[in-house]
Every structure is written in C-alpha cells, then in structure tokens.
C-alpha cells in the first residue's frame, strides 16, 4: 500500500472513523453532542465547539496548500470564531468539518509519494510529511481534551 494512503487513513482514524489509538474519533464524539453542550464553558477551558473549529481551521489551511494555494492561516487567529448559537449552525459546521476532513485525506492519497519529502511552503515548516503528521498529532491532542470536557459536563449534570 502506498505510504500516502496509509497516512491518509491515519488522518481519517482521528477525525472520521477510527478507534485504534484513542478508542474514539472526532465524528463519534461530536455527532451526538448537542450545540448547547458543545458551547458550555467550564472555567478557563476552551469549549468543545471552539476546539473542533480550531482543528477545522488547520485542516482548511493545509487543504489550501495541498490544492496549490498559499498558507494563509495564523496561530493567533486559530481560536477566533463566530459563536455557534443554534443546532442548525452546529450541524452545518459538523457537515463542513467531515467534508473538509475527507478532502484533506483524499488530497494526501492523491499526492505522489515523493511529495511527502518536499518542503512545505517555507523551510521553517519542514516537509509535507512533518506537517501531515503534526496535523494528526494535533487532532489527537484536542480529541483528548474534547473527551475530558464532555465527561466534565456530563458529571456536572448529575
């Protein structure tokens, strides 16, 4: 199997359909989460919605590069999003997240394998491989936060 297919499937595992590493994924955690739960603020923690939007922000930014565009995302804006204040807005966001995540994975699969070793935008960012791996690791990091925040919210409802 091509390494690009293997990497794309690793990405799908954390966002769309896997259980191997964390026994869950973003889609499993968020699909049954009502918008009100997703926007509950606990102390100084980010909300579930903000964490999901944060990951989506990076997926979209990297997708743009994969499609031949520029890298326009900036860390300083990676938590700045309009509020989600209805189930319709939450559902629309989730649909967009799943679609853009699948696009991300498909674009990786379609890459020539040698592209993985090429520089990503600027030398300081390393290779395509490094950035894809970082996206996967970053997603697992925030998935863990989402799981814990959901547990805290559910515990507080008891």
C-alpha atoms as a PDB file:
ATOM      1  CA  UNK A   1       0.000   0.000   0.000  1.00  0.00           C
ATOM      2  CA  UNK A   2       1.279   3.475  -0.847  1.00  0.00           C
ATOM      3  CA  UNK A   3       2.520   5.460   2.134  1.00  0.00           C
ATOM      4  CA  UNK A   4       0.227   8.344   1.172  1.00  0.00           C
ATOM      5  CA  UNK A   5      -2.772   6.028   1.502  1.00  0.00           C
ATOM      6  CA  UNK A   6      -1.545   4.805   4.894  1.00  0.00           C
ATOM      7  CA  UNK A   7      -1.090   8.393   6.125  1.00  0.00           C
ATOM      8  CA  UNK A   8      -4.486   9.468   4.769  1.00  0.00           C
ATOM      9  CA  UNK A   9      -6.110   6.584   6.616  1.00  0.00           C
ATOM     10  CA  UNK A  10      -4.319   7.577   9.849  1.00  0.00           C
ATOM     11  CA  UNK A  11      -5.831  11.038   9.468  1.00  0.00           C
ATOM     12  CA  UNK A  12      -9.290   9.558   8.824  1.00  0.00           C
ATOM     13  CA  UNK A  13      -8.935   7.492  12.008  1.00  0.00           C
ATOM     14  CA  UNK A  14      -8.672  10.515  14.284  1.00  0.00           C
ATOM     15  CA  UNK A  15     -11.317  12.638  12.579  1.00  0.00           C
ATOM     16  CA  UNK A  16     -13.816  10.374  10.833  1.00  0.00           C
ATOM     17  CA  UNK A  17     -13.849   6.706  11.676  1.00  0.00           C
ATOM     18  CA  UNK A  18     -11.059   5.209  13.762  1.00  0.00           C
ATOM     19  CA  UNK A  19     -10.865   3.662  17.190  1.00  0.00           C
ATOM     20  CA  UNK A  20      -7.372   2.166  17.214  1.00  0.00           C
ATOM     21  CA  UNK A  21      -5.419   4.868  19.071  1.00  0.00           C
ATOM     22  CA  UNK A  22      -7.999   6.623  21.259  1.00  0.00           C
ATOM     23  CA  UNK A  23     -10.899   4.185  21.006  1.00  0.00           C
ATOM     24  CA  UNK A  24     -12.884   7.102  19.534  1.00  0.00           C
ATOM     25  CA  UNK A  25     -12.659   9.896  16.965  1.00  0.00           C
ATOM     26  CA  UNK A  26     -13.980  13.409  16.366  1.00  0.00           C
ATOM     27  CA  UNK A  27     -17.045  12.240  14.457  1.00  0.00           C
ATOM     28  CA  UNK A  28     -18.022   9.788  17.182  1.00  0.00           C
ATOM     29  CA  UNK A  29     -17.558  12.403  19.916  1.00  0.00           C
ATOM     30  CA  UNK A  30     -19.232  15.315  18.146  1.00  0.00           C
ATOM     31  CA  UNK A  31     -22.102  13.762  16.203  1.00  0.00           C
ATOM     32  CA  UNK A  32     -24.106  13.053  19.343  1.00  0.00           C
ATOM     33  CA  UNK A  33     -23.169  16.349  21.019  1.00  0.00           C
ATOM     34  CA  UNK A  34     -25.914  18.978  21.040  1.00  0.00           C
ATOM     35  CA  UNK A  35     -24.853  22.547  20.277  1.00  0.00           C
ATOM     36  CA  UNK A  36     -25.637  23.627  23.825  1.00  0.00           C
ATOM     37  CA  UNK A  37     -23.236  21.055  25.258  1.00  0.00           C
ATOM     38  CA  UNK A  38     -20.626  21.959  22.640  1.00  0.00           C
ATOM     39  CA  UNK A  39     -20.693  25.584  23.761  1.00  0.00           C
ATOM     40  CA  UNK A  40     -20.659  25.114  27.544  1.00  0.00           C
ATOM     41  CA  UNK A  41     -17.733  26.961  29.089  1.00  0.00           C
ATOM     42  CA  UNK A  42     -16.011  25.245  32.005  1.00  0.00           C
ATOM     43  CA  UNK A  43     -13.672  27.532  33.945  1.00  0.00           C
ATOM     44  CA  UNK A  44     -10.930  28.733  31.617  1.00  0.00           C
ATOM     45  CA  UNK A  45     -11.072  25.735  29.244  1.00  0.00           C
ATOM     46  CA  UNK A  46     -11.972  26.080  25.595  1.00  0.00           C
ATOM     47  CA  UNK A  47     -15.400  24.799  24.647  1.00  0.00           C
ATOM     48  CA  UNK A  48     -15.880  21.639  22.636  1.00  0.00           C
ATOM     49  CA  UNK A  49     -17.093  23.796  19.728  1.00  0.00           C
ATOM     50  CA  UNK A  50     -14.002  26.027  19.830  1.00  0.00           C
ATOM     51  CA  UNK A  51     -11.674  23.003  19.876  1.00  0.00           C
ATOM     52  CA  UNK A  52     -13.467  21.436  16.911  1.00  0.00           C
ATOM     53  CA  UNK A  53     -13.405  24.730  14.997  1.00  0.00           C
ATOM     54  CA  UNK A  54      -9.704  25.106  15.819  1.00  0.00           C
ATOM     55  CA  UNK A  55      -8.897  21.746  14.231  1.00  0.00           C
ATOM     56  CA  UNK A  56     -11.097  22.596  11.242  1.00  0.00           C
ATOM     57  CA  UNK A  57      -9.220  25.892  10.821  1.00  0.00           C
ATOM     58  CA  UNK A  58      -5.941  23.996  10.356  1.00  0.00           C
ATOM     59  CA  UNK A  59      -7.479  21.357   8.097  1.00  0.00           C
ATOM     60  CA  UNK A  60      -8.773  24.099   5.800  1.00  0.00           C
ATOM     61  CA  UNK A  61      -5.485  25.986   5.844  1.00  0.00           C
ATOM     62  CA  UNK A  62      -3.477  22.931   4.887  1.00  0.00           C
ATOM     63  CA  UNK A  63      -6.071  21.900   2.289  1.00  0.00           C
ATOM     64  CA  UNK A  64      -5.462  25.234   0.592  1.00  0.00           C
ATOM     65  CA  UNK A  65      -1.746  24.448   0.318  1.00  0.00           C
ATOM     66  CA  UNK A  66      -2.463  20.902  -0.907  1.00  0.00           C
ATOM     67  CA  UNK A  67      -4.572  22.432  -3.686  1.00  0.00           C
ATOM     68  CA  UNK A  68      -1.687  24.669  -4.791  1.00  0.00           C
ATOM     69  CA  UNK A  69      -2.665  27.775  -2.816  1.00  0.00           C
ATOM     70  CA  UNK A  70      -0.900  29.747  -0.145  1.00  0.00           C
ATOM     71  CA  UNK A  71      -0.636  29.126   3.579  1.00  0.00           C
ATOM     72  CA  UNK A  72      -2.939  31.822   4.940  1.00  0.00           C
ATOM     73  CA  UNK A  73      -3.627  30.548   8.447  1.00  0.00           C
ATOM     74  CA  UNK A  74      -2.029  32.097  11.510  1.00  0.00           C
ATOM     75  CA  UNK A  75      -1.841  30.641  15.009  1.00  0.00           C
ATOM     76  CA  UNK A  76      -3.018  33.938  16.501  1.00  0.00           C
ATOM     77  CA  UNK A  77      -6.390  33.528  14.745  1.00  0.00           C
ATOM     78  CA  UNK A  78      -6.803  29.794  15.303  1.00  0.00           C
ATOM     79  CA  UNK A  79      -9.288  30.206  18.174  1.00  0.00           C
ATOM     80  CA  UNK A  80     -11.279  33.166  16.807  1.00  0.00           C
ATOM     81  CA  UNK A  81     -14.658  32.024  15.510  1.00  0.00           C
ATOM     82  CA  UNK A  82     -18.182  33.380  15.432  1.00  0.00           C
ATOM     83  CA  UNK A  83     -20.315  31.839  18.164  1.00  0.00           C
ATOM     84  CA  UNK A  84     -22.377  28.769  17.463  1.00  0.00           C
ATOM     85  CA  UNK A  85     -25.797  29.628  18.856  1.00  0.00           C
ATOM     86  CA  UNK A  86     -28.135  27.080  17.311  1.00  0.00           C
ATOM     87  CA  UNK A  87     -28.330  23.409  16.404  1.00  0.00           C
ATOM     88  CA  UNK A  88     -28.520  24.365  12.713  1.00  0.00           C
ATOM     89  CA  UNK A  89     -25.202  26.231  12.913  1.00  0.00           C
ATOM     90  CA  UNK A  90     -23.607  23.328  14.797  1.00  0.00           C
ATOM     91  CA  UNK A  91     -24.904  20.765  12.291  1.00  0.00           C
ATOM     92  CA  UNK A  92     -23.705  22.908   9.384  1.00  0.00           C
ATOM     93  CA  UNK A  93     -20.265  23.227  10.971  1.00  0.00           C
ATOM     94  CA  UNK A  94     -20.016  19.465  11.565  1.00  0.00           C
ATOM     95  CA  UNK A  95     -21.020  18.697   7.974  1.00  0.00           C
ATOM     96  CA  UNK A  96     -18.308  21.078   6.785  1.00  0.00           C
ATOM     97  CA  UNK A  97     -15.744  19.520   9.137  1.00  0.00           C
ATOM     98  CA  UNK A  98     -16.454  15.986   7.870  1.00  0.00           C
ATOM     99  CA  UNK A  99     -16.384  17.130   4.234  1.00  0.00           C
ATOM    100  CA  UNK A 100     -13.153  19.090   4.596  1.00  0.00           C
ATOM    101  CA  UNK A 101     -11.519  16.276   6.561  1.00  0.00           C
ATOM    102  CA  UNK A 102     -12.339  13.804   3.798  1.00  0.00           C
ATOM    103  CA  UNK A 103     -10.959  16.271   1.245  1.00  0.00           C
ATOM    104  CA  UNK A 104      -7.760  16.502   3.321  1.00  0.00           C
ATOM    105  CA  UNK A 105      -7.391  12.709   3.328  1.00  0.00           C
ATOM    106  CA  UNK A 106      -8.174  12.405  -0.376  1.00  0.00           C
ATOM    107  CA  UNK A 107      -5.614  15.071  -1.263  1.00  0.00           C
ATOM    108  CA  UNK A 108      -2.976  13.144   0.708  1.00  0.00           C
ATOM    109  CA  UNK A 109      -3.887   9.911  -1.103  1.00  0.00           C
ATOM    110  CA  UNK A 110      -3.540  11.628  -4.452  1.00  0.00           C
ATOM    111  CA  UNK A 111      -0.088  13.041  -3.684  1.00  0.00           C
ATOM    112  CA  UNK A 112       2.902  11.470  -5.333  1.00  0.00           C
ATOM    113  CA  UNK A 113       4.835   9.750  -2.546  1.00  0.00           C
ATOM    114  CA  UNK A 114       7.935  11.850  -3.204  1.00  0.00           C
ATOM    115  CA  UNK A 115       5.897  14.968  -2.339  1.00  0.00           C
ATOM    116  CA  UNK A 116       5.925  13.865   1.301  1.00  0.00           C
ATOM    117  CA  UNK A 117       9.647  14.668   1.486  1.00  0.00           C
ATOM    118  CA  UNK A 118       9.357  18.071  -0.186  1.00  0.00           C
ATOM    119  CA  UNK A 119       9.440  21.311   1.763  1.00  0.00           C
ATOM    120  CA  UNK A 120       6.089  22.594   2.971  1.00  0.00           C
ATOM    121  CA  UNK A 121       5.678  26.270   1.973  1.00  0.00           C
ATOM    122  CA  UNK A 122       8.806  27.522   3.786  1.00  0.00           C
ATOM    123  CA  UNK A 123      11.869  25.687   5.048  1.00  0.00           C
ATOM    124  CA  UNK A 124      10.982  26.506   8.672  1.00  0.00           C
ATOM    125  CA  UNK A 125       7.834  24.343   8.362  1.00  0.00           C
ATOM    126  CA  UNK A 126       9.706  21.205   7.351  1.00  0.00           C
ATOM    127  CA  UNK A 127       8.262  18.690   4.920  1.00  0.00           C
ATOM    128  CA  UNK A 128       4.758  17.769   3.836  1.00  0.00           C
ATOM    129  CA  UNK A 129       5.177  14.567   5.864  1.00  0.00           C
ATOM    130  CA  UNK A 130       6.043  16.537   9.005  1.00  0.00           C
ATOM    131  CA  UNK A 131       3.009  18.794   8.606  1.00  0.00           C
ATOM    132  CA  UNK A 132       0.603  15.942   7.960  1.00  0.00           C
ATOM    133  CA  UNK A 133       1.953  14.044  10.975  1.00  0.00           C
ATOM    134  CA  UNK A 134       1.644  17.221  13.049  1.00  0.00           C
ATOM    135  CA  UNK A 135      -1.984  17.617  11.956  1.00  0.00           C
ATOM    136  CA  UNK A 136      -2.751  14.056  13.064  1.00  0.00           C
ATOM    137  CA  UNK A 137      -0.985  14.524  16.413  1.00  0.00           C
ATOM    138  CA  UNK A 138      -2.612  17.921  16.931  1.00  0.00           C
ATOM    139  CA  UNK A 139      -6.036  16.393  16.281  1.00  0.00           C
ATOM    140  CA  UNK A 140      -5.446  13.603  18.831  1.00  0.00           C
ATOM    141  CA  UNK A 141      -4.336  16.184  21.408  1.00  0.00           C
ATOM    142  CA  UNK A 142      -7.570  18.147  21.061  1.00  0.00           C
ATOM    143  CA  UNK A 143      -9.681  14.995  20.769  1.00  0.00           C
ATOM    144  CA  UNK A 144      -8.443  14.075  24.236  1.00  0.00           C
ATOM    145  CA  UNK A 145      -9.493  17.486  25.522  1.00  0.00           C
ATOM    146  CA  UNK A 146     -12.943  17.114  23.959  1.00  0.00           C
ATOM    147  CA  UNK A 147     -13.430  13.722  25.604  1.00  0.00           C
ATOM    148  CA  UNK A 148     -12.441  15.097  29.003  1.00  0.00           C
ATOM    149  CA  UNK A 149     -14.601  18.212  28.684  1.00  0.00           C
ATOM    150  CA  UNK A 150     -17.620  16.079  27.719  1.00  0.00           C
ATOM    151  CA  UNK A 151     -17.023  13.914  30.789  1.00  0.00           C
ATOM    152  CA  UNK A 152     -16.799  17.011  32.994  1.00  0.00           C
ATOM    153  CA  UNK A 153     -20.048  18.409  31.565  1.00  0.00           C
ATOM    154  CA  UNK A 154     -21.871  15.111  31.995  1.00  0.00           C
ATOM    155  CA  UNK A 155     -20.533  14.732  35.533  1.00  0.00           C
ATOM    156  CA  UNK A 156     -21.747  18.231  36.428  1.00  0.00           C
ATOM    157  CA  UNK A 157     -25.256  17.344  35.210  1.00  0.00           C
ATOM    158  CA  UNK A 158     -25.553  14.520  37.740  1.00  0.00           C
END
